[in-house]
Amino acid sequence: MQPTTIQNKSSLAVYVHVPFCGQRCHYCHFDIKVLHPRSDPTLWLANYMKTVTNELKHYARQLGKPPVHSVFLGGGTPSRLPDSLVAEIVRCIRDEYDLIDGAELTIEVNPEDLVPDWVDHIMALGINRISAGVQTFHDPSLKAVRRPHTGEQALAALSRLPKFERGRSIDLMLGLPFQNAQSIARDLDLFKQLDVEHVSVYMLETDLPTPLDKSHPQRWTDDEMVDMYHWVAYELAGAGMQHYEISNFGKPGYRSRHNMTYWNGESYIGVGPAAHGRLGHVYYGNHPQLSDWQEAVAKQGAGQKFSETWSPDRLAYESLIQGLRLADGVNVDQFSSSQTAAMLAFQGQGFCALKNKYWHLTRAGWLVSNEIFIELAGAQL
């Protein structure tokens, strides 16, 4: 397969997938590579770094050193990389791309990796946003899903974390084993105590093949999940957090610029195994297996397993559903007459509202957004 080609000089985002983890958490369905503690990861990491920097250089050459407004190191667990390799990735991006003034540079971390020397190192690299996978501070739940930290460790690490220019974010989850109203109330109290700028709240997915599917000792009902989602959103709003996307809350000025790239339908490069990218009307996905991705990059410069060219109708639909993920909503002019009729029906059910010529989903609508998006796809013409 020949890698995607595009002539596009507008600002874009870069996502770098770092697949390595110390272990697989029991809710995880992502493409990761678990490095056994008794193995020597030197060769794995060296081959990964050679390939990921070659792929970054490939897109930089193809696009003519494009301007970049955000970089996101995700995974996997990027904080598991040695300091020198994080520096090498950032240096490659700075050398090969045109980072615009005020660009957002984010790295995902596990709380146990947030030691002072490491934090100082990444800040010196210019990384100005951090996203920590806490999930909960409730130890029985952490143990049940095989997270490598305790609640106390996470709280201690985040309490000493300095402010980052583009903010500090944490992930929290709803629906974990042994969670209840009391444990979630404590999570919210600790979140408020930490006074971080952003939080992502995810509901446990139960329809995906994960180890948790076989061992989950407790299942929340749909009604319980809905009630908890509304309660958490209400509490976060009271703490000054704007609910700006289905799962995301931030203080004013601290929306995730990188994720807004996806929701605004802007272009982004994805490098690394299993990474996806979108360049204008072309969407692509990389090989998920490390060896297959490395082989593809060696042969063609990029690790793409597939690419597809979206038609104008597909582009319009993708723009519509991504925009409806945001509280800002979508202008009425982007809806066909059939889609408008569907939105009016959803409005009658309390799932959406019309304000200043923008349709937006209510919180109740966000909870059934997949069903709404399917309905809008059928009503596109």
Protein backbone atom coordinates (compact mmCIF):
# COMPACT_ATOMS: atom_id res chain seq x y z
CA MET A 1 0.00 0.00 0.00
CA GLN A 2 1.26 3.45 -0.91
CA PRO A 3 1.09 5.92 1.97
CA THR A 4 -1.41 8.75 1.95
CA THR A 5 -0.54 11.84 -0.09
CA ILE A 6 -2.03 15.28 0.49
CA GLN A 7 -1.26 18.88 -0.30
CA ASN A 8 -2.35 20.70 2.86
CA LYS A 9 -0.42 23.49 4.52
CA SER A 10 -2.89 24.35 7.28
CA SER A 11 -2.03 23.75 10.91
CA LEU A 12 -2.48 20.17 12.08
CA ALA A 13 -1.94 17.88 15.07
CA VAL A 14 0.48 15.00 15.57
CA TYR A 15 -0.37 11.88 17.57
CA VAL A 16 2.45 9.49 18.55
CA HIS A 17 1.37 6.06 19.81
CA VAL A 18 3.72 4.58 22.40
CA PRO A 19 2.51 0.97 22.77
CA PHE A 20 4.58 -0.18 25.74
CA CYS A 21 3.09 -0.99 29.15
CA GLY A 22 4.27 -2.78 32.25
CA GLN A 23 1.06 -4.82 32.34
CA ARG A 24 -2.39 -4.93 30.78
CA CYS A 25 -5.15 -3.45 32.92
CA HIS A 26 -8.26 -5.60 32.97
CA TYR A 27 -10.49 -3.03 31.22
CA CYS A 28 -7.96 -2.33 28.45
CA HIS A 29 -8.72 -3.21 24.83
CA PHE A 30 -6.05 -1.02 23.23
CA ASP A 31 -3.16 -2.21 21.10
CA ILE A 32 -0.26 -2.35 23.52
CA LYS A 33 2.98 -4.28 24.00
CA VAL A 34 3.58 -5.57 27.51
CA LEU A 35 7.28 -5.65 28.31
CA HIS A 36 7.95 -8.55 30.64
CA PRO A 37 9.83 -7.39 33.75
CA ARG A 38 12.49 -10.09 33.23
CA SER A 39 13.08 -9.24 29.60
CA ASP A 40 15.55 -6.72 28.21
CA PRO A 41 13.51 -4.06 26.40
CA THR A 42 16.56 -2.41 24.83
CA LEU A 43 16.11 -3.96 21.37
CA TRP A 44 12.32 -3.44 21.35
CA LEU A 45 12.74 0.21 22.25
CA ALA A 46 15.58 0.82 19.81
CA ASN A 47 13.61 -0.64 16.91
CA TYR A 48 10.51 1.31 17.93
CA MET A 49 12.40 4.61 18.12
CA LYS A 50 14.07 4.12 14.76
CA THR A 51 10.72 3.36 13.14
CA VAL A 52 8.64 6.07 14.80
CA THR A 53 11.18 8.80 13.97
CA ASN A 54 11.38 7.55 10.37
CA GLU A 55 7.60 7.72 10.11
CA LEU A 56 7.56 11.23 11.55
CA LYS A 57 10.18 12.30 9.02
CA HIS A 58 8.22 10.71 6.18
CA TYR A 59 5.11 12.80 6.84
CA ALA A 60 7.18 15.93 7.43
CA ARG A 61 8.82 15.52 4.01
CA GLN A 62 5.53 14.70 2.33
CA LEU A 63 3.75 17.72 3.77
CA GLY A 64 6.66 20.16 3.54
CA LYS A 65 7.40 20.73 7.22
CA PRO A 66 3.80 21.62 8.11
CA PRO A 67 2.77 23.89 10.99
CA VAL A 68 1.62 21.94 14.06
CA HIS A 69 -0.64 23.23 16.84
CA SER A 70 -0.59 20.17 19.09
CA VAL A 71 1.40 17.02 19.81
CA PHE A 72 0.05 14.13 21.87
CA LEU A 73 2.16 11.25 23.16
CA GLY A 74 -0.37 8.55 23.99
CA GLY A 75 -0.46 4.85 24.53
CA GLY A 76 0.15 2.49 26.03
CA THR A 77 2.17 4.27 28.66
CA PRO A 78 4.50 6.96 27.26
CA SER A 79 5.84 7.62 30.75
CA ARG A 80 7.37 4.12 30.63
CA LEU A 81 9.84 5.30 27.99
CA PRO A 82 13.32 6.23 29.19
CA ASP A 83 13.80 9.99 29.47
CA SER A 84 16.23 10.01 26.55
CA LEU A 85 13.66 8.46 24.20
CA VAL A 86 10.93 10.93 25.13
CA ALA A 87 13.47 13.65 24.38
CA GLU A 88 14.31 12.03 21.04
CA ILE A 89 10.66 12.02 19.93
CA VAL A 90 10.14 15.65 20.92
CA ARG A 91 13.42 16.68 19.29
CA CYS A 92 12.46 14.92 16.06
CA ILE A 93 9.12 16.73 15.94
CA ARG A 94 10.77 20.10 16.65
CA ASP A 95 13.34 19.48 13.92
CA GLU A 96 10.99 18.14 11.26
CA TYR A 97 7.81 20.16 11.88
CA ASP A 98 6.97 23.83 12.41
CA LEU A 99 5.60 24.02 15.96
CA ILE A 100 3.52 27.19 16.11
CA ASP A 101 3.73 29.60 19.04
CA GLY A 102 1.68 28.29 21.94
CA ALA A 103 1.51 24.75 20.58
CA GLU A 104 0.13 22.21 23.04
CA LEU A 105 2.42 19.25 23.88
CA THR A 106 0.75 16.53 25.94
CA ILE A 107 2.04 13.29 27.43
CA GLU A 108 -0.02 10.53 29.03
CA VAL A 109 1.36 9.16 32.28
CA ASN A 110 0.72 6.65 35.01
CA PRO A 111 0.69 8.20 38.51
CA GLU A 112 3.53 6.00 39.74
CA ASP A 113 5.83 7.53 37.09
CA LEU A 114 5.30 11.09 38.34
CA VAL A 115 8.53 11.40 40.26
CA PRO A 116 10.04 14.91 40.56
CA ASP A 117 13.10 14.28 38.35
CA TRP A 118 10.95 12.89 35.53
CA VAL A 119 8.51 15.79 35.73
CA ASP A 120 11.37 18.30 35.61
CA HIS A 121 12.76 16.50 32.56
CA ILE A 122 9.57 16.60 30.51
CA MET A 123 8.90 20.22 31.41
CA ALA A 124 12.41 21.08 30.22
CA LEU A 125 11.49 19.46 26.88
CA GLY A 126 8.64 21.94 26.49
CA ILE A 127 5.84 19.51 27.28
CA ASN A 128 3.16 21.80 28.64
CA ARG A 129 0.22 19.48 29.35
CA ILE A 130 0.00 16.20 31.24
CA SER A 131 -2.75 13.59 31.38
CA ALA A 132 -2.66 11.08 34.24
CA GLY A 133 -4.55 7.79 34.15
CA VAL A 134 -5.89 7.73 37.70
CA GLN A 135 -9.29 6.03 37.00
CA THR A 136 -10.19 6.10 40.72
CA PHE A 137 -8.63 6.62 44.14
CA HIS A 138 -10.57 3.60 45.48
CA ASP A 139 -8.07 0.80 46.20
CA PRO A 140 -10.45 -2.19 45.88
CA SER A 141 -11.46 -0.95 42.41
CA LEU A 142 -7.86 -0.27 41.38
CA LYS A 143 -6.82 -3.74 42.46
CA ALA A 144 -9.77 -5.37 40.68
CA VAL A 145 -8.81 -3.80 37.35
CA ARG A 146 -5.08 -4.39 37.90
CA ARG A 147 -3.91 -0.80 37.97
CA PRO A 148 -0.25 -0.52 39.05
CA HIS A 149 -0.81 2.23 41.64
CA THR A 150 -2.79 2.76 44.82
CA GLY A 151 -5.10 5.66 45.49
CA GLU A 152 -2.65 7.08 48.02
CA GLN A 153 0.21 6.93 45.52
CA ALA A 154 -1.85 8.72 42.89
CA LEU A 155 -2.96 11.41 45.31
CA ALA A 156 0.59 12.00 46.56
CA ALA A 157 2.02 12.19 43.05
CA LEU A 158 -0.63 14.58 41.78
CA SER A 159 -0.46 16.74 44.91
CA ARG A 160 3.18 17.60 44.23
CA LEU A 161 2.71 18.04 40.49
CA PRO A 162 3.52 21.61 39.44
CA LYS A 163 1.22 23.60 37.19
CA PHE A 164 1.62 23.10 33.46
CA GLU A 165 1.02 25.94 31.01
CA ARG A 166 -1.70 24.00 29.14
CA GLY A 167 -2.95 22.24 32.23
CA ARG A 168 -3.03 18.99 34.17
CA SER A 169 -5.70 16.43 33.35
CA ILE A 170 -6.75 13.21 35.03
CA ASP A 171 -8.88 10.31 33.82
CA LEU A 172 -11.66 8.94 36.02
CA MET A 173 -13.88 5.94 35.27
CA LEU A 174 -17.43 5.01 36.23
CA GLY A 175 -18.71 1.45 36.53
CA LEU A 176 -15.57 -0.20 37.90
CA PRO A 177 -15.80 -3.23 40.19
CA PHE A 178 -16.54 -2.33 43.83
CA GLN A 179 -17.33 1.29 42.98
CA ASN A 180 -20.33 2.81 44.70
CA ALA A 181 -21.76 6.23 45.41
CA GLN A 182 -19.51 6.67 48.45
CA SER A 183 -16.28 5.84 46.61
CA ILE A 184 -17.19 8.12 43.70
CA ALA A 185 -18.06 10.94 46.10
CA ARG A 186 -14.60 10.54 47.61
CA ASP A 187 -13.03 10.57 44.11
CA LEU A 188 -14.82 13.85 43.42
CA ASP A 189 -13.73 15.34 46.74
CA LEU A 190 -10.10 14.43 46.04
CA PHE A 191 -10.36 15.78 42.51
CA LYS A 192 -11.58 19.11 43.87
CA GLN A 193 -8.78 19.09 46.43
CA LEU A 194 -6.17 18.62 43.71
CA ASP A 195 -7.54 21.62 41.77
CA VAL A 196 -6.35 20.36 38.38
CA GLU A 197 -7.55 22.05 35.21
CA HIS A 198 -9.15 19.17 33.30
CA VAL A 199 -10.80 15.80 33.83
CA SER A 200 -12.04 13.10 31.47
CA VAL A 201 -14.81 10.87 32.83
CA TYR A 202 -15.29 7.58 31.02
CA MET A 203 -17.93 4.94 31.54
CA LEU A 204 -16.65 1.37 31.62
CA GLU A 205 -17.29 -0.31 28.28
CA THR A 206 -18.78 -3.75 28.79
CA ASP A 207 -19.26 -4.83 25.17
CA LEU A 208 -15.57 -5.23 24.33
CA PRO A 209 -13.32 -8.30 24.75
CA THR A 210 -11.28 -7.57 27.88
CA PRO A 211 -10.19 -9.71 30.84
CA LEU A 212 -12.72 -7.83 32.96
CA ASP A 213 -15.57 -9.34 30.94
CA LYS A 214 -14.80 -12.73 32.47
CA SER A 215 -14.14 -11.68 36.05
CA HIS A 216 -16.18 -8.55 36.76
CA PRO A 217 -17.76 -9.24 40.18
CA GLN A 218 -20.23 -6.36 39.89
CA ARG A 219 -22.24 -4.97 36.99
CA TRP A 220 -23.90 -1.60 37.08
CA THR A 221 -27.30 -1.37 35.48
CA ASP A 222 -27.81 1.12 32.66
CA ASP A 223 -30.00 3.23 34.94
CA GLU A 224 -27.31 3.30 37.63
CA MET A 225 -24.71 4.39 35.08
CA VAL A 226 -26.98 7.15 33.78
CA ASP A 227 -27.71 8.43 37.27
CA MET A 228 -24.03 8.43 38.19
CA TYR A 229 -23.03 10.25 34.99
CA HIS A 230 -25.56 13.03 35.64
CA TRP A 231 -24.51 13.33 39.28
CA VAL A 232 -20.78 13.51 38.47
CA ALA A 233 -21.41 16.10 35.75
CA TYR A 234 -23.46 18.19 38.20
CA GLU A 235 -20.73 18.01 40.85
CA LEU A 236 -18.00 18.94 38.39
CA ALA A 237 -20.01 21.90 37.11
CA GLY A 238 -20.28 23.08 40.70
CA ALA A 239 -16.49 22.91 40.92
CA GLY A 240 -16.12 25.30 37.98
CA MET A 241 -15.55 22.68 35.27
CA GLN A 242 -17.19 23.28 31.90
CA HIS A 243 -18.74 20.14 30.41
CA TYR A 244 -17.58 20.81 26.87
CA GLU A 245 -17.68 17.29 25.37
CA ILE A 246 -19.40 14.00 26.18
CA SER A 247 -16.63 12.81 28.51
CA ASN A 248 -14.55 15.93 29.04
CA PHE A 249 -14.64 18.78 31.54
CA GLY A 250 -12.24 21.68 31.84
CA LYS A 251 -11.74 25.01 33.48
CA PRO A 252 -12.17 27.95 31.09
CA GLY A 253 -9.23 28.04 28.68
CA TYR A 254 -8.16 24.45 29.31
CA ARG A 255 -9.98 22.42 26.71
CA SER A 256 -7.77 19.74 25.17
CA ARG A 257 -6.54 21.42 22.00
CA HIS A 258 -5.45 18.08 20.60
CA ASN A 259 -8.81 16.37 21.05
CA MET A 260 -10.58 19.45 19.73
CA THR A 261 -8.70 18.74 16.50
CA TYR A 262 -10.66 15.49 16.14
CA TRP A 263 -14.01 16.98 17.12
CA ASN A 264 -13.57 20.01 14.86
CA GLY A 265 -12.79 17.79 11.87
CA GLU A 266 -9.25 19.11 11.43
CA SER A 267 -6.29 17.20 10.00
CA TYR A 268 -3.93 15.16 12.13
CA ILE A 269 -1.04 12.78 11.61
CA GLY A 270 -0.97 9.48 13.49
CA VAL A 271 2.33 7.65 13.84
CA GLY A 272 3.17 4.45 15.66
CA PRO A 273 1.47 1.04 15.66
CA ALA A 274 -2.36 1.19 15.64
CA ALA A 275 -2.32 4.98 15.21
CA HIS A 276 -4.92 6.59 12.97
CA GLY A 277 -4.72 9.83 11.05
CA ARG A 278 -6.80 12.08 8.87
CA LEU A 279 -5.34 14.35 6.23
CA GLY A 280 -8.08 16.35 4.61
CA HIS A 281 -10.47 13.90 2.97
CA VAL A 282 -8.18 10.88 3.50
CA TYR A 283 -8.46 8.73 6.64
CA TYR A 284 -5.94 6.00 7.45
CA GLY A 285 -5.01 3.47 10.09
CA ASN A 286 -1.66 1.88 10.86
CA HIS A 287 -0.89 -1.77 11.38
CA PRO A 288 -1.62 -2.65 15.03
CA GLN A 289 1.12 -5.26 15.34
CA LEU A 290 4.52 -3.81 16.12
CA SER A 291 6.39 -6.00 13.61
CA ASP A 292 3.89 -5.37 10.79
CA TRP A 293 4.03 -1.62 11.40
CA GLN A 294 7.84 -1.63 11.42
CA GLU A 295 7.94 -3.59 8.17
CA ALA A 296 5.49 -1.21 6.48
CA VAL A 297 7.48 1.87 7.53
CA ALA A 298 10.69 0.27 6.26
CA LYS A 299 9.08 -0.45 2.88
CA GLN A 300 6.98 2.65 2.24
CA GLY A 301 7.84 5.28 4.85
CA ALA A 302 4.50 5.01 6.68
CA GLY A 303 2.94 2.17 8.64
CA GLN A 304 -0.49 2.32 7.04
CA LYS A 305 -2.61 -0.82 6.94
CA PHE A 306 -5.45 0.93 5.14
CA SER A 307 -6.47 4.33 3.84
CA GLU A 308 -9.79 5.51 2.48
CA THR A 309 -10.87 8.62 0.64
CA TRP A 310 -14.03 10.11 2.09
CA SER A 311 -16.70 11.43 -0.24
CA PRO A 312 -18.18 14.90 0.37
CA ASP A 313 -21.22 13.22 1.96
CA ARG A 314 -19.00 11.16 4.29
CA LEU A 315 -17.02 14.27 5.22
CA ALA A 316 -20.24 16.15 5.99
CA TYR A 317 -21.54 13.30 8.16
CA GLU A 318 -18.27 12.91 10.08
CA SER A 319 -18.19 16.66 10.70
CA LEU A 320 -21.77 16.51 11.95
CA ILE A 321 -21.36 13.69 14.46
CA GLN A 322 -18.01 14.94 15.76
CA GLY A 323 -19.48 18.41 16.24
CA LEU A 324 -22.43 16.99 18.17
CA ARG A 325 -20.01 15.52 20.68
CA LEU A 326 -19.29 19.11 21.72
CA ALA A 327 -21.48 21.29 23.91
CA ASP A 328 -21.05 24.03 21.29
CA GLY A 329 -23.12 21.97 18.85
CA VAL A 330 -23.50 22.23 15.07
CA ASN A 331 -24.98 24.97 12.89
CA VAL A 332 -28.43 24.17 11.51
CA ASP A 333 -27.15 24.72 7.95
CA GLN A 334 -25.11 21.50 8.21
CA PHE A 335 -28.25 19.34 8.54
CA SER A 336 -30.28 18.01 5.64
CA SER A 337 -34.06 18.38 5.82
CA SER A 338 -34.38 14.72 6.88
CA GLN A 339 -31.74 15.15 9.56
CA THR A 340 -33.50 18.28 10.81
CA ALA A 341 -36.71 16.29 11.12
CA ALA A 342 -34.82 13.65 13.11
CA MET A 343 -33.39 16.32 15.42
CA LEU A 344 -36.85 17.76 16.01
CA ALA A 345 -38.02 14.30 17.05
CA PHE A 346 -35.04 13.95 19.40
CA GLN A 347 -35.81 17.40 20.79
CA GLY A 348 -39.25 16.16 21.76
CA GLN A 349 -37.57 13.33 23.69
CA GLY A 350 -35.27 15.73 25.54
CA PHE A 351 -32.14 14.51 23.75
CA CYS A 352 -31.22 17.75 21.96
CA ALA A 353 -31.92 21.48 21.96
CA LEU A 354 -31.75 24.33 19.48
CA LYS A 355 -30.05 27.57 20.53
CA ASN A 356 -28.90 30.47 18.36
CA LYS A 357 -29.17 28.34 15.19
CA TYR A 358 -27.05 25.55 16.69
CA TRP A 359 -28.28 22.07 17.46
CA HIS A 360 -26.59 20.53 20.46
CA LEU A 361 -27.18 17.32 22.39
CA THR A 362 -28.29 17.49 26.00
CA ARG A 363 -26.55 15.34 28.62
CA ALA A 364 -29.34 12.82 28.19
CA GLY A 365 -28.68 12.93 24.45
CA TRP A 366 -24.97 12.36 24.90
CA LEU A 367 -25.79 9.13 26.73
CA VAL A 368 -27.60 7.81 23.64
CA SER A 369 -25.39 9.57 21.10
CA ASN A 370 -24.48 6.41 19.19
CA GLU A 371 -28.15 5.75 18.47
CA ILE A 372 -28.63 9.38 17.43
CA PHE A 373 -25.64 9.25 15.09
CA ILE A 374 -26.97 6.09 13.44
CA GLU A 375 -30.33 7.78 12.91
CA LEU A 376 -28.65 10.83 11.39
CA ALA A 377 -26.63 8.63 9.01
CA GLY A 378 -29.85 7.08 7.72
CA ALA A 379 -31.41 10.53 7.33
CA GLN A 380 -28.44 12.09 5.55
CA LEU A 381 -30.02 12.21 2.08
